[in-house]
C-alpha atoms as a PDB file:
ATOM      1  CA  MET A   1     -21.748  25.832  39.358  1.00  0.00           C
ATOM      2  CA  ALA A   2     -20.943  22.910  36.649  1.00  0.00           C
ATOM      3  CA  ASP A   3     -19.274  19.660  37.680  1.00  0.00           C
ATOM      4  CA  PRO A   4     -15.743  19.894  35.802  1.00  0.00           C
ATOM      5  CA  SER A   5     -15.834  16.348  35.772  1.00  0.00           C
ATOM      6  CA  ILE A   6     -18.722  15.841  34.184  1.00  0.00           C
ATOM      7  CA  ASP A   7     -17.781  18.277  31.151  1.00  0.00           C
ATOM      8  CA  SER A   8     -14.724  16.735  30.655  1.00  0.00           C
ATOM      9  CA  ALA A   9     -16.387  13.026  30.668  1.00  0.00           C
ATOM     10  CA  GLU A  10     -18.984  14.485  28.141  1.00  0.00           C
ATOM     11  CA  GLN A  11     -16.183  15.953  25.789  1.00  0.00           C
ATOM     12  CA  ALA A  12     -14.079  12.642  26.313  1.00  0.00           C
ATOM     13  CA  LEU A  13     -17.692  10.641  24.373  1.00  0.00           C
ATOM     14  CA  GLU A  14     -17.861  13.446  22.033  1.00  0.00           C
ATOM     15  CA  ARG A  15     -14.449  12.782  21.110  1.00  0.00           C
ATOM     16  CA  HIS A  16     -14.846   9.392  21.218  1.00  0.00           C
ATOM     17  CA  ALA A  17     -18.323   9.500  19.403  1.00  0.00           C
ATOM     18  CA  GLN A  18     -16.006  11.781  16.509  1.00  0.00           C
ATOM     19  CA  ARG A  19     -13.404   9.381  16.175  1.00  0.00           C
ATOM     20  CA  ALA A  20     -15.867   6.419  15.478  1.00  0.00           C
ATOM     21  CA  ARG A  21     -17.803   8.143  12.891  1.00  0.00           C
ATOM     22  CA  GLU A  22     -14.259   9.092  11.078  1.00  0.00           C
ATOM     23  CA  VAL A  23     -13.649   5.476  11.184  1.00  0.00           C
ATOM     24  CA  GLU A  24     -16.978   4.568   9.973  1.00  0.00           C
ATOM     25  CA  HIS A  25     -16.630   7.151   7.428  1.00  0.00           C
ATOM     26  CA  ARG A  26     -12.932   5.586   6.409  1.00  0.00           C
ATOM     27  CA  VAL A  27     -13.979   1.974   6.517  1.00  0.00           C
ATOM     28  CA  LYS A  28     -16.612   2.542   4.098  1.00  0.00           C
ATOM     29  CA  ASN A  29     -14.793   4.458   1.754  1.00  0.00           C
ATOM     30  CA  THR A  30     -12.310   1.396   1.401  1.00  0.00           C
ATOM     31  CA  LEU A  31     -15.125  -0.914   1.235  1.00  0.00           C
ATOM     32  CA  GLN A  32     -16.155   0.874  -1.876  1.00  0.00           C
ATOM     33  CA  LEU A  33     -12.126   1.189  -3.256  1.00  0.00           C
ATOM     34  CA  ILE A  34     -12.227  -2.777  -2.689  1.00  0.00           C
ATOM     35  CA  SER A  35     -15.371  -3.264  -5.019  1.00  0.00           C
ATOM     36  CA  SER A  36     -14.413  -1.101  -7.489  1.00  0.00           C
ATOM     37  CA  ILE A  37     -11.154  -3.682  -7.396  1.00  0.00           C
ATOM     38  CA  VAL A  38     -12.845  -6.593  -7.628  1.00  0.00           C
ATOM     39  CA  LEU A  39     -15.056  -4.850 -10.341  1.00  0.00           C
ATOM     40  CA  LEU A  40     -12.087  -4.124 -12.637  1.00  0.00           C
ATOM     41  CA  GLN A  41     -10.315  -7.431 -11.978  1.00  0.00           C
ATOM     42  CA  GLY A  42     -13.882  -9.502 -12.629  1.00  0.00           C
ATOM     43  CA  ARG A  43     -14.230  -7.989 -16.168  1.00  0.00           C
ATOM     44  CA  ARG A  44     -10.524  -9.182 -17.164  1.00  0.00           C
ATOM     45  CA  ALA A  45     -11.021 -12.846 -15.528  1.00  0.00           C
ATOM     46  CA  ASP A  46     -11.292 -15.468 -17.848  1.00  0.00           C
ATOM     47  CA  GLY A  47     -11.457 -19.348 -17.538  1.00  0.00           C
ATOM     48  CA  GLU A  48      -8.086 -20.269 -15.866  1.00  0.00           C
ATOM     49  CA  GLY A  49      -7.344 -16.935 -15.298  1.00  0.00           C
ATOM     50  CA  ALA A  50      -9.977 -16.722 -12.192  1.00  0.00           C
ATOM     51  CA  ARG A  51      -8.173 -18.803  -9.622  1.00  0.00           C
ATOM     52  CA  GLN A  52      -5.053 -15.814 -10.405  1.00  0.00           C
ATOM     53  CA  ALA A  53      -7.329 -13.319 -10.281  1.00  0.00           C
ATOM     54  CA  LEU A  54      -9.577 -14.215  -6.994  1.00  0.00           C
ATOM     55  CA  LYS A  55      -5.771 -14.829  -5.715  1.00  0.00           C
ATOM     56  CA  ALA A  56      -4.576 -10.900  -6.416  1.00  0.00           C
ATOM     57  CA  VAL A  57      -7.999  -9.571  -4.543  1.00  0.00           C
ATOM     58  CA  GLN A  58      -6.917 -11.871  -1.646  1.00  0.00           C
ATOM     59  CA  GLN A  59      -3.553  -9.717  -1.485  1.00  0.00           C
ATOM     60  CA  ARG A  60      -5.349  -6.243  -2.009  1.00  0.00           C
ATOM     61  CA  VAL A  61      -7.681  -7.035   0.782  1.00  0.00           C
ATOM     62  CA  ALA A  62      -5.176  -8.393   3.019  1.00  0.00           C
ATOM     63  CA  ALA A  63      -2.955  -5.413   2.265  1.00  0.00           C
ATOM     64  CA  VAL A  64      -6.035  -2.622   3.451  1.00  0.00           C
ATOM     65  CA  SER A  65      -6.873  -4.927   6.413  1.00  0.00           C
ATOM     66  CA  VAL A  66      -2.905  -4.501   7.257  1.00  0.00           C
ATOM     67  CA  ALA A  67      -3.927  -0.805   6.732  1.00  0.00           C
ATOM     68  CA  HIS A  68      -6.715  -0.559   9.190  1.00  0.00           C
ATOM     69  CA  ARG A  69      -4.602  -1.913  11.545  1.00  0.00           C
ATOM     70  CA  HIS A  70      -1.441   0.036  11.516  1.00  0.00           C
ATOM     71  CA  VAL A  71      -3.649   3.214  12.031  1.00  0.00           C
ATOM     72  CA  GLY A  72      -3.118   4.932  15.382  1.00  0.00           C
ATOM     73  CA  TRP A  73      -4.260   7.968  17.298  1.00  0.00           C
ATOM     74  CA  ASN A  74      -2.280  10.760  18.123  1.00  0.00           C
ATOM     75  CA  ASP A  75      -3.130  14.471  19.519  1.00  0.00           C
ATOM     76  CA  ASP A  76      -7.057  13.574  18.253  1.00  0.00           C
ATOM     77  CA  SER A  77      -5.711  12.651  14.521  1.00  0.00           C
ATOM     78  CA  GLU A  78      -5.384   9.496  12.926  1.00  0.00           C
ATOM     79  CA  GLN A  79      -2.038   8.072  11.478  1.00  0.00           C
ATOM     80  CA  VAL A  80       0.451   5.538  10.381  1.00  0.00           C
ATOM     81  CA  GLU A  81       3.988   4.678  10.162  1.00  0.00           C
ATOM     82  CA  VAL A  82       4.892   3.878   6.830  1.00  0.00           C
ATOM     83  CA  SER A  83       7.908   1.967   7.722  1.00  0.00           C
ATOM     84  CA  ALA A  84       6.181  -0.340   9.671  1.00  0.00           C
ATOM     85  CA  LEU A  85       2.881  -0.749   7.311  1.00  0.00           C
ATOM     86  CA  VAL A  86       5.645  -1.412   4.415  1.00  0.00           C
ATOM     87  CA  ARG A  87       7.171  -3.842   6.544  1.00  0.00           C
ATOM     88  CA  GLU A  88       4.404  -6.328   7.277  1.00  0.00           C
ATOM     89  CA  ILE A  89       2.939  -6.500   3.869  1.00  0.00           C
ATOM     90  CA  VAL A  90       6.118  -7.349   2.695  1.00  0.00           C
ATOM     91  CA  GLY A  91       6.509  -9.645   5.079  1.00  0.00           C
ATOM     92  CA  ASP A  92       3.124 -11.242   3.919  1.00  0.00           C
ATOM     93  CA  LEU A  93       3.471 -11.340   0.431  1.00  0.00           C
ATOM     94  CA  ALA A  94       6.695 -12.874   0.394  1.00  0.00           C
ATOM     95  CA  GLY A  95       5.031 -15.785   2.707  1.00  0.00           C
ATOM     96  CA  SER A  96       2.920 -16.074   0.684  1.00  0.00           C
ATOM     97  CA  ALA A  97       4.316 -16.229  -2.659  1.00  0.00           C
ATOM     98  CA  GLY A  98       7.204 -19.119  -0.908  1.00  0.00           C
ATOM     99  CA  ARG A  99      10.076 -18.089  -3.311  1.00  0.00           C
ATOM    100  CA  GLU A 100      13.596 -18.702  -1.113  1.00  0.00           C
ATOM    101  CA  GLY A 101      15.085 -17.670  -4.185  1.00  0.00           C
ATOM    102  CA  VAL A 102      14.203 -14.123  -4.745  1.00  0.00           C
ATOM    103  CA  ASP A 103      15.236 -11.997  -1.658  1.00  0.00           C
ATOM    104  CA  ILE A 104      13.520  -9.099  -0.487  1.00  0.00           C
ATOM    105  CA  ASP A 105      15.791  -5.840   0.868  1.00  0.00           C
ATOM    106  CA  LEU A 106      13.969  -3.098   3.135  1.00  0.00           C
ATOM    107  CA  ASP A 107      15.297   0.491   3.612  1.00  0.00           C
ATOM    108  CA  LEU A 108      12.756   2.609   5.654  1.00  0.00           C
ATOM    109  CA  ASP A 109      13.120   5.785   6.507  1.00  0.00           C
ATOM    110  CA  SER A 110      10.169   6.728   9.328  1.00  0.00           C
ATOM    111  CA  VAL A 111       7.788   8.732   7.676  1.00  0.00           C
ATOM    112  CA  THR A 112       4.000   9.606   9.124  1.00  0.00           C
ATOM    113  CA  ILE A 113       1.249   9.803   7.315  1.00  0.00           C
ATOM    114  CA  PRO A 114      -2.464  10.440   7.968  1.00  0.00           C
ATOM    115  CA  GLY A 115      -4.403   7.540   8.253  1.00  0.00           C
ATOM    116  CA  ARG A 116      -7.147   8.117   5.144  1.00  0.00           C
ATOM    117  CA  GLN A 117      -3.434   7.186   2.942  1.00  0.00           C
ATOM    118  CA  ALA A 118      -3.029   3.684   4.707  1.00  0.00           C
ATOM    119  CA  ALA A 119      -4.827   2.280   1.961  1.00  0.00           C
ATOM    120  CA  PRO A 120      -3.676   3.849  -0.895  1.00  0.00           C
ATOM    121  CA  VAL A 121      -0.466   3.197   0.340  1.00  0.00           C
ATOM    122  CA  ALA A 122      -1.132  -0.143   1.126  1.00  0.00           C
ATOM    123  CA  LEU A 123      -2.102  -1.625  -2.303  1.00  0.00           C
ATOM    124  CA  LEU A 124       1.021   0.842  -3.904  1.00  0.00           C
ATOM    125  CA  VAL A 125       3.187  -1.859  -1.858  1.00  0.00           C
ATOM    126  CA  SER A 126       1.171  -4.982  -2.578  1.00  0.00           C
ATOM    127  CA  GLU A 127       1.015  -4.509  -6.182  1.00  0.00           C
ATOM    128  CA  ALA A 128       4.496  -2.977  -6.735  1.00  0.00           C
ATOM    129  CA  VAL A 129       5.948  -6.166  -5.073  1.00  0.00           C
ATOM    130  CA  GLY A 130       3.332  -8.477  -5.618  1.00  0.00           C
ATOM    131  CA  ASN A 131       3.770  -8.237  -9.007  1.00  0.00           C
ATOM    132  CA  ALA A 132       7.458  -8.297  -8.954  1.00  0.00           C
ATOM    133  CA  LEU A 133       7.251 -11.808  -7.413  1.00  0.00           C
ATOM    134  CA  ARG A 134       4.629 -12.961  -9.454  1.00  0.00           C
ATOM    135  CA  HIS A 135       6.036 -12.175 -12.713  1.00  0.00           C
ATOM    136  CA  ALA A 136       9.783 -10.986 -12.598  1.00  0.00           C
ATOM    137  CA  TYR A 137      11.397 -13.971 -11.991  1.00  0.00           C
ATOM    138  CA  PRO A 138       9.652 -17.080 -14.141  1.00  0.00           C
ATOM    139  CA  ASP A 139      10.862 -20.398 -14.072  1.00  0.00           C
ATOM    140  CA  GLY A 140      12.319 -20.681 -10.575  1.00  0.00           C
ATOM    141  CA  ARG A 141      14.985 -17.736 -11.340  1.00  0.00           C
ATOM    142  CA  GLU A 142      16.551 -16.436  -8.701  1.00  0.00           C
ATOM    143  CA  GLY A 143      17.100 -12.416  -7.658  1.00  0.00           C
ATOM    144  CA  ARG A 144      16.814  -9.557  -5.194  1.00  0.00           C
ATOM    145  CA  ILE A 145      13.705  -7.249  -4.486  1.00  0.00           C
ATOM    146  CA  GLN A 146      14.644  -3.825  -2.986  1.00  0.00           C
ATOM    147  CA  VAL A 147      12.070  -1.641  -1.195  1.00  0.00           C
ATOM    148  CA  ALA A 148      12.375   1.543   0.296  1.00  0.00           C
ATOM    149  CA  VAL A 149      11.256   3.862   2.174  1.00  0.00           C
ATOM    150  CA  ARG A 150      12.605   7.381   1.424  1.00  0.00           C
ATOM    151  CA  ARG A 151      11.918  11.037   3.315  1.00  0.00           C
ATOM    152  CA  THR A 152      12.175  14.015   0.790  1.00  0.00           C
ATOM    153  CA  ASP A 153      11.201  17.691   0.766  1.00  0.00           C
ATOM    154  CA  PRO A 154       8.922  17.676   1.089  1.00  0.00           C
ATOM    155  CA  GLY A 155       7.525  14.377   1.487  1.00  0.00           C
ATOM    156  CA  PHE A 156       8.476  10.684   0.940  1.00  0.00           C
ATOM    157  CA  ASP A 157       9.471   8.630  -1.996  1.00  0.00           C
ATOM    158  CA  LEU A 158       8.534   4.466  -2.192  1.00  0.00           C
ATOM    159  CA  MET A 159      10.304   2.798  -4.512  1.00  0.00           C
ATOM    160  CA  VAL A 160      10.604  -0.826  -5.611  1.00  0.00           C
ATOM    161  CA  CYS A 161      13.242  -2.476  -7.871  1.00  0.00           C
ATOM    162  CA  ASP A 162      13.938  -5.986  -9.157  1.00  0.00           C
ATOM    163  CA  ASP A 163      16.870  -7.423 -11.164  1.00  0.00           C
ATOM    164  CA  GLY A 164      14.006  -9.837 -12.942  1.00  0.00           C
ATOM    165  CA  ILE A 165      12.987 -10.235 -16.942  1.00  0.00           C
ATOM    166  CA  GLY A 166      12.226  -6.644 -17.283  1.00  0.00           C
ATOM    167  CA  MET A 167       8.880  -4.588 -18.069  1.00  0.00           C
ATOM    168  CA  ALA A 168       9.477  -5.475 -21.837  1.00  0.00           C
ATOM    169  CA  THR A 169       8.718  -9.118 -21.867  1.00  0.00           C
ATOM    170  CA  GLU A 170       6.013  -9.213 -18.761  1.00  0.00           C
ATOM    171  CA  THR A 171       3.079  -8.285 -20.231  1.00  0.00           C
ATOM    172  CA  SER A 172       0.603  -8.794 -17.304  1.00  0.00           C
ATOM    173  CA  ARG A 173       2.549  -5.785 -15.198  1.00  0.00           C
ATOM    174  CA  THR A 174       1.138  -3.263 -18.126  1.00  0.00           C
ATOM    175  CA  GLY A 175      -2.601  -4.296 -17.756  1.00  0.00           C
ATOM    176  CA  PHE A 176      -4.481  -4.330 -14.183  1.00  0.00           C
ATOM    177  CA  GLY A 177      -1.658  -4.151 -11.621  1.00  0.00           C
ATOM    178  CA  LEU A 178       0.141  -1.003 -12.929  1.00  0.00           C
ATOM    179  CA  THR A 179      -3.547   0.764 -13.272  1.00  0.00           C
ATOM    180  CA  VAL A 180      -4.451  -0.221  -9.569  1.00  0.00           C
ATOM    181  CA  VAL A 181      -0.703   1.156  -8.947  1.00  0.00           C
ATOM    182  CA  GLN A 182      -1.777   4.772 -11.441  1.00  0.00           C
ATOM    183  CA  LEU A 183      -4.960   5.058  -9.290  1.00  0.00           C
ATOM    184  CA  MET A 184      -3.533   4.881  -5.852  1.00  0.00           C
ATOM    185  CA  THR A 185      -1.072   7.197  -6.984  1.00  0.00           C
ATOM    186  CA  GLN A 186      -3.975   9.800  -8.135  1.00  0.00           C
ATOM    187  CA  GLN A 187      -5.091   9.160  -5.141  1.00  0.00           C
ATOM    188  CA  LEU A 188      -2.347  10.036  -3.158  1.00  0.00           C
ATOM    189  CA  ARG A 189      -1.511  12.843  -5.241  1.00  0.00           C
ATOM    190  CA  GLY A 190       1.392  11.662  -6.334  1.00  0.00           C
ATOM    191  CA  ARG A 191       4.268  11.150  -9.246  1.00  0.00           C
ATOM    192  CA  LEU A 192       4.559   7.784 -10.723  1.00  0.00           C
ATOM    193  CA  ASP A 193       7.498   6.598 -12.413  1.00  0.00           C
ATOM    194  CA  THR A 194       8.718   3.049 -13.921  1.00  0.00           C
ATOM    195  CA  ALA A 195      11.551   2.537 -15.594  1.00  0.00           C
ATOM    196  CA  GLY A 196      14.086  -0.284 -16.578  1.00  0.00           C
ATOM    197  CA  ALA A 197      16.545  -1.073 -14.318  1.00  0.00           C
ATOM    198  CA  GLN A 198      19.227  -2.899 -17.096  1.00  0.00           C
ATOM    199  CA  PRO A 199      17.791  -5.777 -15.573  1.00  0.00           C
ATOM    200  CA  GLY A 200      14.314  -5.384 -13.940  1.00  0.00           C
ATOM    201  CA  LEU A 201      12.322  -2.622 -13.131  1.00  0.00           C
ATOM    202  CA  ARG A 202      12.025   0.235 -11.319  1.00  0.00           C
ATOM    203  CA  LEU A 203       9.207   1.690  -9.587  1.00  0.00           C
ATOM    204  CA  SER A 204       8.711   5.014  -7.577  1.00  0.00           C
ATOM    205  CA  VAL A 205       6.456   7.023  -6.387  1.00  0.00           C
ATOM    206  CA  SER A 206       6.563  10.461  -4.932  1.00  0.00           C
ATOM    207  CA  VAL A 207       4.057  11.486  -2.439  1.00  0.00           C
ATOM    208  CA  PRO A 208       3.731  15.201  -1.705  1.00  0.00           C
ATOM    209  CA  MET A 209       4.139  17.179   1.847  1.00  0.00           C
ATOM    210  CA  ASP A 210       0.044  17.572   1.931  1.00  0.00           C
ATOM    211  CA  THR A 211      -0.425  13.860   2.391  1.00  0.00           C
ATOM    212  CA  ALA A 212       2.785  12.908   4.080  1.00  0.00           C
ATOM    213  CA  THR A 213       4.093  13.867   7.501  1.00  0.00           C
ATOM    214  CA  LEU A 214       7.795  13.279   8.320  1.00  0.00           C
ATOM    215  CA  SER A 215       8.504  11.992  11.600  1.00  0.00           C
ATOM    216  CA  ALA A 216      11.018  14.185  13.905  1.00  0.00           C
END
């Protein structure tokens, strides 16, 4: 007669091995994602712009690293709490930017997503908030950035709104950063909307229920 404790231990080891394989696969995909972003950014870097390009890449890599740290297990599945993820990324960006005259308000509902969606969400937040900090308030201009995560039926909305100088005069905001936002929105099977906020810019990404699980 088989020893139940041995069977249980073997099953636990198999589950652990399966999880390790899943993590390894996700890391490989993430590294490919980073490589693609670096390649696209490198094509646009020229002279003095190379330093800014490198900084932008570093912020993207940092955002993906944060995403990996926030992945947890629940009932044998990888999950990430979006509000905690957004809060850390925004805090890192604000600290790096050093813009004391620009306040960032957070309004974050509790939303849980599958672990595979963490990196795209992290990059969306990094691009949207990072672009606002870099471009919306030139020459020391003061202002306020609002970041919200709202539960919807079904799914959730991620919104970033600033009261800066607006899209029309922010040519760099129509370039590579917006391309990354569009690519990540597609990966999430979401819908992207950008509009003037009079003044400023409002960016909203709606993520459907098949890629988001709302917390109770």
